[in-house]
Amino acid sequence: SCAACQARVERAVADVPGVDSVAV
């Protein structure tokens, strides 16, 4: 619903093994 949600998703996915970069 907002930029805070966007940042939260990016941080969560960035910690997944094998992820080089993520953009939401």
mmCIF file of all heavy atoms, coordinates in Angstrom:
data_MODEL
# 
_entry.id   MODEL 
# 
loop_
_atom_site.group_PDB 
_atom_site.id 
_atom_site.type_symbol 
_atom_site.label_atom_id 
_atom_site.label_alt_id 
_atom_site.label_comp_id 
_atom_site.label_asym_id 
_atom_site.label_entity_id 
_atom_site.label_seq_id 
_atom_site.pdbx_PDB_ins_code 
_atom_site.Cartn_x 
_atom_site.Cartn_y 
_atom_site.Cartn_z 
_atom_site.occupancy 
_atom_site.B_iso_or_equiv 
_atom_site.pdbx_formal_charge 
_atom_site.auth_seq_id 
_atom_site.auth_comp_id 
_atom_site.auth_asym_id 
_atom_site.auth_atom_id 
_atom_site.pdbx_PDB_model_num 
ATOM 1   N N   . SER A 1 1  ? 0.803  -1.221  0.000  1.00 0.00 ? 1  SER A N   1 
ATOM 2   C CA  . SER A 1 1  ? 0.000  0.000   0.000  1.00 0.00 ? 1  SER A CA  1 
ATOM 3   C C   . SER A 1 1  ? 0.838  1.273   0.000  1.00 0.00 ? 1  SER A C   1 
ATOM 4   O O   . SER A 1 1  ? 0.308  2.350   -0.226 1.00 0.00 ? 1  SER A O   1 
ATOM 5   C CB  . SER A 1 1  ? -0.929 0.015   1.221  1.00 0.00 ? 1  SER A CB  1 
ATOM 6   O OG  . SER A 1 1  ? -0.173 0.000   2.421  1.00 0.00 ? 1  SER A OG  1 
ATOM 7   N N   . CYS A 1 2  ? 2.136  1.164   0.263  1.00 0.00 ? 2  CYS A N   1 
ATOM 8   C CA  . CYS A 1 2  ? 2.959  2.374   0.339  1.00 0.00 ? 2  CYS A CA  1 
ATOM 9   C C   . CYS A 1 2  ? 4.418  2.008   0.157  1.00 0.00 ? 2  CYS A C   1 
ATOM 10  O O   . CYS A 1 2  ? 4.776  0.836   0.008  1.00 0.00 ? 2  CYS A O   1 
ATOM 11  C CB  . CYS A 1 2  ? 2.745  3.080   1.674  1.00 0.00 ? 2  CYS A CB  1 
ATOM 12  S SG  . CYS A 1 2  ? 3.328  2.099   3.080  1.00 0.00 ? 2  CYS A SG  1 
ATOM 13  N N   . ALA A 1 3  ? 5.277  3.027   0.190  1.00 0.00 ? 3  ALA A N   1 
ATOM 14  C CA  . ALA A 1 3  ? 6.705  2.820   -0.012 1.00 0.00 ? 3  ALA A CA  1 
ATOM 15  C C   . ALA A 1 3  ? 7.325  1.989   1.108  1.00 0.00 ? 3  ALA A C   1 
ATOM 16  O O   . ALA A 1 3  ? 8.319  1.285   0.884  1.00 0.00 ? 3  ALA A O   1 
ATOM 17  C CB  . ALA A 1 3  ? 7.420  4.167   -0.109 1.00 0.00 ? 3  ALA A CB  1 
ATOM 18  N N   . ALA A 1 4  ? 6.763  2.054   2.314  1.00 0.00 ? 4  ALA A N   1 
ATOM 19  C CA  . ALA A 1 4  ? 7.289  1.249   3.409  1.00 0.00 ? 4  ALA A CA  1 
ATOM 20  C C   . ALA A 1 4  ? 7.072  -0.242  3.127  1.00 0.00 ? 4  ALA A C   1 
ATOM 21  O O   . ALA A 1 4  ? 7.933  -1.075  3.422  1.00 0.00 ? 4  ALA A O   1 
ATOM 22  C CB  . ALA A 1 4  ? 6.614  1.638   4.727  1.00 0.00 ? 4  ALA A CB  1 
ATOM 23  N N   . CYS A 1 5  ? 5.917  -0.579  2.550  1.00 0.00 ? 5  CYS A N   1 
ATOM 24  C CA  . CYS A 1 5  ? 5.656  -1.972  2.156  1.00 0.00 ? 5  CYS A CA  1 
ATOM 25  C C   . CYS A 1 5  ? 6.668  -2.407  1.097  1.00 0.00 ? 5  CYS A C   1 
ATOM 26  O O   . CYS A 1 5  ? 7.219  -3.508  1.150  1.00 0.00 ? 5  CYS A O   1 
ATOM 27  C CB  . CYS A 1 5  ? 4.247  -2.112  1.599  1.00 0.00 ? 5  CYS A CB  1 
ATOM 28  S SG  . CYS A 1 5  ? 2.923  -1.624  2.708  1.00 0.00 ? 5  CYS A SG  1 
ATOM 29  N N   . GLN A 1 6  ? 6.889  -1.537  0.145  1.00 0.00 ? 6  GLN A N   1 
ATOM 30  C CA  . GLN A 1 6  ? 7.831  -1.825  -0.931 1.00 0.00 ? 6  GLN A CA  1 
ATOM 31  C C   . GLN A 1 6  ? 9.223  -2.111  -0.376 1.00 0.00 ? 6  GLN A C   1 
ATOM 32  O O   . GLN A 1 6  ? 9.877  -3.099  -0.766 1.00 0.00 ? 6  GLN A O   1 
ATOM 33  C CB  . GLN A 1 6  ? 7.846  -0.614  -1.855 1.00 0.00 ? 6  GLN A CB  1 
ATOM 34  C CG  . GLN A 1 6  ? 8.798  -0.684  -3.028 1.00 0.00 ? 6  GLN A CG  1 
ATOM 35  C CD  . GLN A 1 6  ? 8.704  0.573   -3.868 1.00 0.00 ? 6  GLN A CD  1 
ATOM 36  O OE1 . GLN A 1 6  ? 7.683  0.869   -4.471 1.00 0.00 ? 6  GLN A OE1 1 
ATOM 37  N NE2 . GLN A 1 6  ? 9.770  1.337   -3.912 1.00 0.00 ? 6  GLN A NE2 1 
ATOM 38  N N   . ALA A 1 7  ? 9.670  -1.270  0.539  1.00 0.00 ? 7  ALA A N   1 
ATOM 39  C CA  . ALA A 1 7  ? 10.992 -1.457  1.133  1.00 0.00 ? 7  ALA A CA  1 
ATOM 40  C C   . ALA A 1 7  ? 11.054 -2.739  1.949  1.00 0.00 ? 7  ALA A C   1 
ATOM 41  O O   . ALA A 1 7  ? 12.072 -3.439  1.957  1.00 0.00 ? 7  ALA A O   1 
ATOM 42  C CB  . ALA A 1 7  ? 11.336 -0.251  2.013  1.00 0.00 ? 7  ALA A CB  1 
ATOM 43  N N   . ARG A 1 8  ? 9.972  -3.073  2.646  1.00 0.00 ? 8  ARG A N   1 
ATOM 44  C CA  . ARG A 1 8  ? 9.908  -4.298  3.439  1.00 0.00 ? 8  ARG A CA  1 
ATOM 45  C C   . ARG A 1 8  ? 10.050 -5.533  2.558  1.00 0.00 ? 8  ARG A C   1 
ATOM 46  O O   . ARG A 1 8  ? 10.797 -6.465  2.882  1.00 0.00 ? 8  ARG A O   1 
ATOM 47  C CB  . ARG A 1 8  ? 8.581  -4.335  4.196  1.00 0.00 ? 8  ARG A CB  1 
ATOM 48  C CG  . ARG A 1 8  ? 8.254  -5.657  4.864  1.00 0.00 ? 8  ARG A CG  1 
ATOM 49  C CD  . ARG A 1 8  ? 9.119  -5.926  6.057  1.00 0.00 ? 8  ARG A CD  1 
ATOM 50  N NE  . ARG A 1 8  ? 8.673  -7.107  6.780  1.00 0.00 ? 8  ARG A NE  1 
ATOM 51  C CZ  . ARG A 1 8  ? 9.356  -7.693  7.750  1.00 0.00 ? 8  ARG A CZ  1 
ATOM 52  N NH1 . ARG A 1 8  ? 10.508 -7.198  8.133  1.00 0.00 ? 8  ARG A NH1 1 
ATOM 53  N NH2 . ARG A 1 8  ? 8.881  -8.770  8.355  1.00 0.00 ? 8  ARG A NH2 1 
ATOM 54  N N   . VAL A 1 9  ? 9.365  -5.567  1.425  1.00 0.00 ? 9  VAL A N   1 
ATOM 55  C CA  . VAL A 1 9  ? 9.455  -6.703  0.506  1.00 0.00 ? 9  VAL A CA  1 
ATOM 56  C C   . VAL A 1 9  ? 10.862 -6.823  -0.054 1.00 0.00 ? 9  VAL A C   1 
ATOM 57  O O   . VAL A 1 9  ? 11.423 -7.924  -0.145 1.00 0.00 ? 9  VAL A O   1 
ATOM 58  C CB  . VAL A 1 9  ? 8.422  -6.556  -0.632 1.00 0.00 ? 9  VAL A CB  1 
ATOM 59  C CG1 . VAL A 1 9  ? 8.625  -7.633  -1.689 1.00 0.00 ? 9  VAL A CG1 1 
ATOM 60  C CG2 . VAL A 1 9  ? 7.011  -6.636  -0.083 1.00 0.00 ? 9  VAL A CG2 1 
ATOM 61  N N   . GLU A 1 10 ? 11.450 -5.701  -0.429 1.00 0.00 ? 10 GLU A N   1 
ATOM 62  C CA  . GLU A 1 10 ? 12.807 -5.733  -0.981 1.00 0.00 ? 10 GLU A CA  1 
ATOM 63  C C   . GLU A 1 10 ? 13.810 -6.280  0.026  1.00 0.00 ? 10 GLU A C   1 
ATOM 64  O O   . GLU A 1 10 ? 14.676 -7.096  -0.325 1.00 0.00 ? 10 GLU A O   1 
ATOM 65  C CB  . GLU A 1 10 ? 13.219 -4.330  -1.424 1.00 0.00 ? 10 GLU A CB  1 
ATOM 66  C CG  . GLU A 1 10 ? 12.546 -3.874  -2.704 1.00 0.00 ? 10 GLU A CG  1 
ATOM 67  C CD  . GLU A 1 10 ? 13.110 -2.568  -3.221 1.00 0.00 ? 10 GLU A CD  1 
ATOM 68  O OE1 . GLU A 1 10 ? 13.844 -1.893  -2.453 1.00 0.00 ? 10 GLU A OE1 1 
ATOM 69  O OE2 . GLU A 1 10 ? 12.819 -2.203  -4.368 1.00 0.00 ? 10 GLU A OE2 1 
ATOM 70  N N   . ARG A 1 11 ? 13.696 -5.854  1.279  1.00 0.00 ? 11 ARG A N   1 
ATOM 71  C CA  . ARG A 1 11 ? 14.630 -6.350  2.300  1.00 0.00 ? 11 ARG A CA  1 
ATOM 72  C C   . ARG A 1 11 ? 14.457 -7.848  2.512  1.00 0.00 ? 11 ARG A C   1 
ATOM 73  O O   . ARG A 1 11 ? 15.432 -8.589  2.676  1.00 0.00 ? 11 ARG A O   1 
ATOM 74  C CB  . ARG A 1 11 ? 14.409 -5.606  3.623  1.00 0.00 ? 11 ARG A CB  1 
ATOM 75  C CG  . ARG A 1 11 ? 14.868 -4.157  3.610  1.00 0.00 ? 11 ARG A CG  1 
ATOM 76  C CD  . ARG A 1 11 ? 15.029 -3.617  5.031  1.00 0.00 ? 11 ARG A CD  1 
ATOM 77  N NE  . ARG A 1 11 ? 13.786 -3.723  5.774  1.00 0.00 ? 11 ARG A NE  1 
ATOM 78  C CZ  . ARG A 1 11 ? 12.854 -2.778  5.813  1.00 0.00 ? 11 ARG A CZ  1 
ATOM 79  N NH1 . ARG A 1 11 ? 13.040 -1.665  5.102  1.00 0.00 ? 11 ARG A NH1 1 
ATOM 80  N NH2 . ARG A 1 11 ? 11.762 -2.925  6.525  1.00 0.00 ? 11 ARG A NH2 1 
ATOM 81  N N   . ALA A 1 12 ? 13.203 -8.314  2.521  1.00 0.00 ? 12 ALA A N   1 
ATOM 82  C CA  . ALA A 1 12 ? 12.935 -9.732  2.748  1.00 0.00 ? 12 ALA A CA  1 
ATOM 83  C C   . ALA A 1 12 ? 13.505 -10.589 1.618  1.00 0.00 ? 12 ALA A C   1 
ATOM 84  O O   . ALA A 1 12 ? 14.126 -11.633 1.868  1.00 0.00 ? 12 ALA A O   1 
ATOM 85  C CB  . ALA A 1 12 ? 11.434 -9.968  2.892  1.00 0.00 ? 12 ALA A CB  1 
ATOM 86  N N   . VAL A 1 13 ? 13.317 -10.158 0.380  1.00 0.00 ? 13 VAL A N   1 
ATOM 87  C CA  . VAL A 1 13 ? 13.789 -10.944 -0.760 1.00 0.00 ? 13 VAL A CA  1 
ATOM 88  C C   . VAL A 1 13 ? 15.306 -10.862 -0.894 1.00 0.00 ? 13 VAL A C   1 
ATOM 89  O O   . VAL A 1 13 ? 15.958 -11.832 -1.308 1.00 0.00 ? 13 VAL A O   1 
ATOM 90  C CB  . VAL A 1 13 ? 13.094 -10.469 -2.057 1.00 0.00 ? 13 VAL A CB  1 
ATOM 91  C CG1 . VAL A 1 13 ? 13.659 -11.173 -3.281 1.00 0.00 ? 13 VAL A CG1 1 
ATOM 92  C CG2 . VAL A 1 13 ? 11.591 -10.721 -1.968 1.00 0.00 ? 13 VAL A CG2 1 
ATOM 93  N N   . ALA A 1 14 ? 15.879 -9.722  -0.556 1.00 0.00 ? 14 ALA A N   1 
ATOM 94  C CA  . ALA A 1 14 ? 17.337 -9.566  -0.660 1.00 0.00 ? 14 ALA A CA  1 
ATOM 95  C C   . ALA A 1 14 ? 18.076 -10.560 0.220  1.00 0.00 ? 14 ALA A C   1 
ATOM 96  O O   . ALA A 1 14 ? 19.232 -10.917 -0.070 1.00 0.00 ? 14 ALA A O   1 
ATOM 97  C CB  . ALA A 1 14 ? 17.731 -8.142  -0.291 1.00 0.00 ? 14 ALA A CB  1 
ATOM 98  N N   . ASP A 1 15 ? 17.442 -11.045 1.290  1.00 0.00 ? 15 ASP A N   1 
ATOM 99  C CA  . ASP A 1 15 ? 18.080 -12.003 2.203  1.00 0.00 ? 15 ASP A CA  1 
ATOM 100 C C   . ASP A 1 15 ? 17.970 -13.448 1.727  1.00 0.00 ? 15 ASP A C   1 
ATOM 101 O O   . ASP A 1 15 ? 18.532 -14.351 2.353  1.00 0.00 ? 15 ASP A O   1 
ATOM 102 C CB  . ASP A 1 15 ? 17.455 -11.886 3.600  1.00 0.00 ? 15 ASP A CB  1 
ATOM 103 C CG  . ASP A 1 15 ? 17.773 -10.553 4.269  1.00 0.00 ? 15 ASP A CG  1 
ATOM 104 O OD1 . ASP A 1 15 ? 18.807 -9.957  3.905  1.00 0.00 ? 15 ASP A OD1 1 
ATOM 105 O OD2 . ASP A 1 15 ? 17.002 -10.120 5.148  1.00 0.00 ? 15 ASP A OD2 1 
ATOM 106 N N   . VAL A 1 16 ? 17.247 -13.692 0.634  1.00 0.00 ? 16 VAL A N   1 
ATOM 107 C CA  . VAL A 1 16 ? 17.094 -15.060 0.119  1.00 0.00 ? 16 VAL A CA  1 
ATOM 108 C C   . VAL A 1 16 ? 18.388 -15.481 -0.572 1.00 0.00 ? 16 VAL A C   1 
ATOM 109 O O   . VAL A 1 16 ? 18.920 -14.729 -1.406 1.00 0.00 ? 16 VAL A O   1 
ATOM 110 C CB  . VAL A 1 16 ? 15.906 -15.138 -0.872 1.00 0.00 ? 16 VAL A CB  1 
ATOM 111 C CG1 . VAL A 1 16 ? 15.829 -16.525 -1.505 1.00 0.00 ? 16 VAL A CG1 1 
ATOM 112 C CG2 . VAL A 1 16 ? 14.607 -14.805 -0.166 1.00 0.00 ? 16 VAL A CG2 1 
ATOM 113 N N   . PRO A 1 17 ? 18.918 -16.659 -0.265 1.00 0.00 ? 17 PRO A N   1 
ATOM 114 C CA  . PRO A 1 17 ? 20.149 -17.126 -0.929 1.00 0.00 ? 17 PRO A CA  1 
ATOM 115 C C   . PRO A 1 17 ? 19.969 -17.194 -2.441 1.00 0.00 ? 17 PRO A C   1 
ATOM 116 O O   . PRO A 1 17 ? 18.961 -17.700 -2.944 1.00 0.00 ? 17 PRO A O   1 
ATOM 117 C CB  . PRO A 1 17 ? 20.350 -18.532 -0.336 1.00 0.00 ? 17 PRO A CB  1 
ATOM 118 C CG  . PRO A 1 17 ? 19.642 -18.499 0.981  1.00 0.00 ? 17 PRO A CG  1 
ATOM 119 C CD  . PRO A 1 17 ? 18.455 -17.606 0.775  1.00 0.00 ? 17 PRO A CD  1 
ATOM 120 N N   . GLY A 1 18 ? 20.954 -16.671 -3.162 1.00 0.00 ? 18 GLY A N   1 
ATOM 121 C CA  . GLY A 1 18 ? 20.912 -16.703 -4.615 1.00 0.00 ? 18 GLY A CA  1 
ATOM 122 C C   . GLY A 1 18 ? 20.385 -15.442 -5.254 1.00 0.00 ? 18 GLY A C   1 
ATOM 123 O O   . GLY A 1 18 ? 20.453 -15.292 -6.475 1.00 0.00 ? 18 GLY A O   1 
ATOM 124 N N   . VAL A 1 19 ? 19.875 -14.502 -4.459 1.00 0.00 ? 19 VAL A N   1 
ATOM 125 C CA  . VAL A 1 19 ? 19.362 -13.240 -4.996 1.00 0.00 ? 19 VAL A CA  1 
ATOM 126 C C   . VAL A 1 19 ? 20.507 -12.241 -5.095 1.00 0.00 ? 19 VAL A C   1 
ATOM 127 O O   . VAL A 1 19 ? 21.133 -11.898 -4.088 1.00 0.00 ? 19 VAL A O   1 
ATOM 128 C CB  . VAL A 1 19 ? 18.230 -12.671 -4.113 1.00 0.00 ? 19 VAL A CB  1 
ATOM 129 C CG1 . VAL A 1 19 ? 17.850 -11.273 -4.592 1.00 0.00 ? 19 VAL A CG1 1 
ATOM 130 C CG2 . VAL A 1 19 ? 17.020 -13.586 -4.154 1.00 0.00 ? 19 VAL A CG2 1 
ATOM 131 N N   . ASP A 1 20 ? 20.806 -11.801 -6.322 1.00 0.00 ? 20 ASP A N   1 
ATOM 132 C CA  . ASP A 1 20 ? 21.862 -10.813 -6.532 1.00 0.00 ? 20 ASP A CA  1 
ATOM 133 C C   . ASP A 1 20 ? 21.342 -9.391  -6.366 1.00 0.00 ? 20 ASP A C   1 
ATOM 134 O O   . ASP A 1 20 ? 22.019 -8.529  -5.802 1.00 0.00 ? 20 ASP A O   1 
ATOM 135 C CB  . ASP A 1 20 ? 22.460 -10.983 -7.935 1.00 0.00 ? 20 ASP A CB  1 
ATOM 136 C CG  . ASP A 1 20 ? 23.151 -12.336 -8.102 1.00 0.00 ? 20 ASP A CG  1 
ATOM 137 O OD1 . ASP A 1 20 ? 23.655 -12.866 -7.091 1.00 0.00 ? 20 ASP A OD1 1 
ATOM 138 O OD2 . ASP A 1 20 ? 23.165 -12.857 -9.236 1.00 0.00 ? 20 ASP A OD2 1 
ATOM 139 N N   . SER A 1 21 ? 20.144 -9.140  -6.876 1.00 0.00 ? 21 SER A N   1 
ATOM 140 C CA  . SER A 1 21 ? 19.527 -7.827  -6.722 1.00 0.00 ? 21 SER A CA  1 
ATOM 141 C C   . SER A 1 21 ? 18.020 -7.984  -6.848 1.00 0.00 ? 21 SER A C   1 
ATOM 142 O O   . SER A 1 21 ? 17.531 -8.923  -7.473 1.00 0.00 ? 21 SER A O   1 
ATOM 143 C CB  . SER A 1 21 ? 20.043 -6.839  -7.773 1.00 0.00 ? 21 SER A CB  1 
ATOM 144 O OG  . SER A 1 21 ? 19.661 -7.241  -9.071 1.00 0.00 ? 21 SER A OG  1 
ATOM 145 N N   . VAL A 1 22 ? 17.300 -7.056  -6.250 1.00 0.00 ? 22 VAL A N   1 
ATOM 146 C CA  . VAL A 1 22 ? 15.836 -7.090  -6.302 1.00 0.00 ? 22 VAL A CA  1 
ATOM 147 C C   . VAL A 1 22 ? 15.315 -5.669  -6.400 1.00 0.00 ? 22 VAL A C   1 
ATOM 148 O O   . VAL A 1 22 ? 15.857 -4.751  -5.776 1.00 0.00 ? 22 VAL A O   1 
ATOM 149 C CB  . VAL A 1 22 ? 15.246 -7.807  -5.062 1.00 0.00 ? 22 VAL A CB  1 
ATOM 150 C CG1 . VAL A 1 22 ? 15.738 -7.148  -3.775 1.00 0.00 ? 22 VAL A CG1 1 
ATOM 151 C CG2 . VAL A 1 22 ? 13.720 -7.809  -5.100 1.00 0.00 ? 22 VAL A CG2 1 
ATOM 152 N N   . ALA A 1 23 ? 14.297 -5.477  -7.208 1.00 0.00 ? 23 ALA A N   1 
ATOM 153 C CA  . ALA A 1 23 ? 13.651 -4.166  -7.357 1.00 0.00 ? 23 ALA A CA  1 
ATOM 154 C C   . ALA A 1 23 ? 12.147 -4.376  -7.356 1.00 0.00 ? 23 ALA A C   1 
ATOM 155 O O   . ALA A 1 23 ? 11.612 -5.142  -8.166 1.00 0.00 ? 23 ALA A O   1 
ATOM 156 C CB  . ALA A 1 23 ? 14.092 -3.485  -8.648 1.00 0.00 ? 23 ALA A CB  1 
ATOM 157 N N   . VAL A 1 24 ? 11.464 -3.718  -6.432 1.00 0.00 ? 24 VAL A N   1 
ATOM 158 C CA  . VAL A 1 24 ? 10.012 -3.829  -6.318 1.00 0.00 ? 24 VAL A CA  1 
ATOM 159 C C   . VAL A 1 24 ? 9.393  -2.524  -6.793 1.00 0.00 ? 24 VAL A C   1 
ATOM 160 O O   . VAL A 1 24 ? 9.825  -1.444  -6.390 1.00 0.00 ? 24 VAL A O   1 
ATOM 161 C CB  . VAL A 1 24 ? 9.591  -4.117  -4.865 1.00 0.00 ? 24 VAL A CB  1 
ATOM 162 C CG1 . VAL A 1 24 ? 8.072  -4.188  -4.748 1.00 0.00 ? 24 VAL A CG1 1 
ATOM 163 C CG2 . VAL A 1 24 ? 10.212 -5.421  -4.381 1.00 0.00 ? 24 VAL A CG2 1 
# 
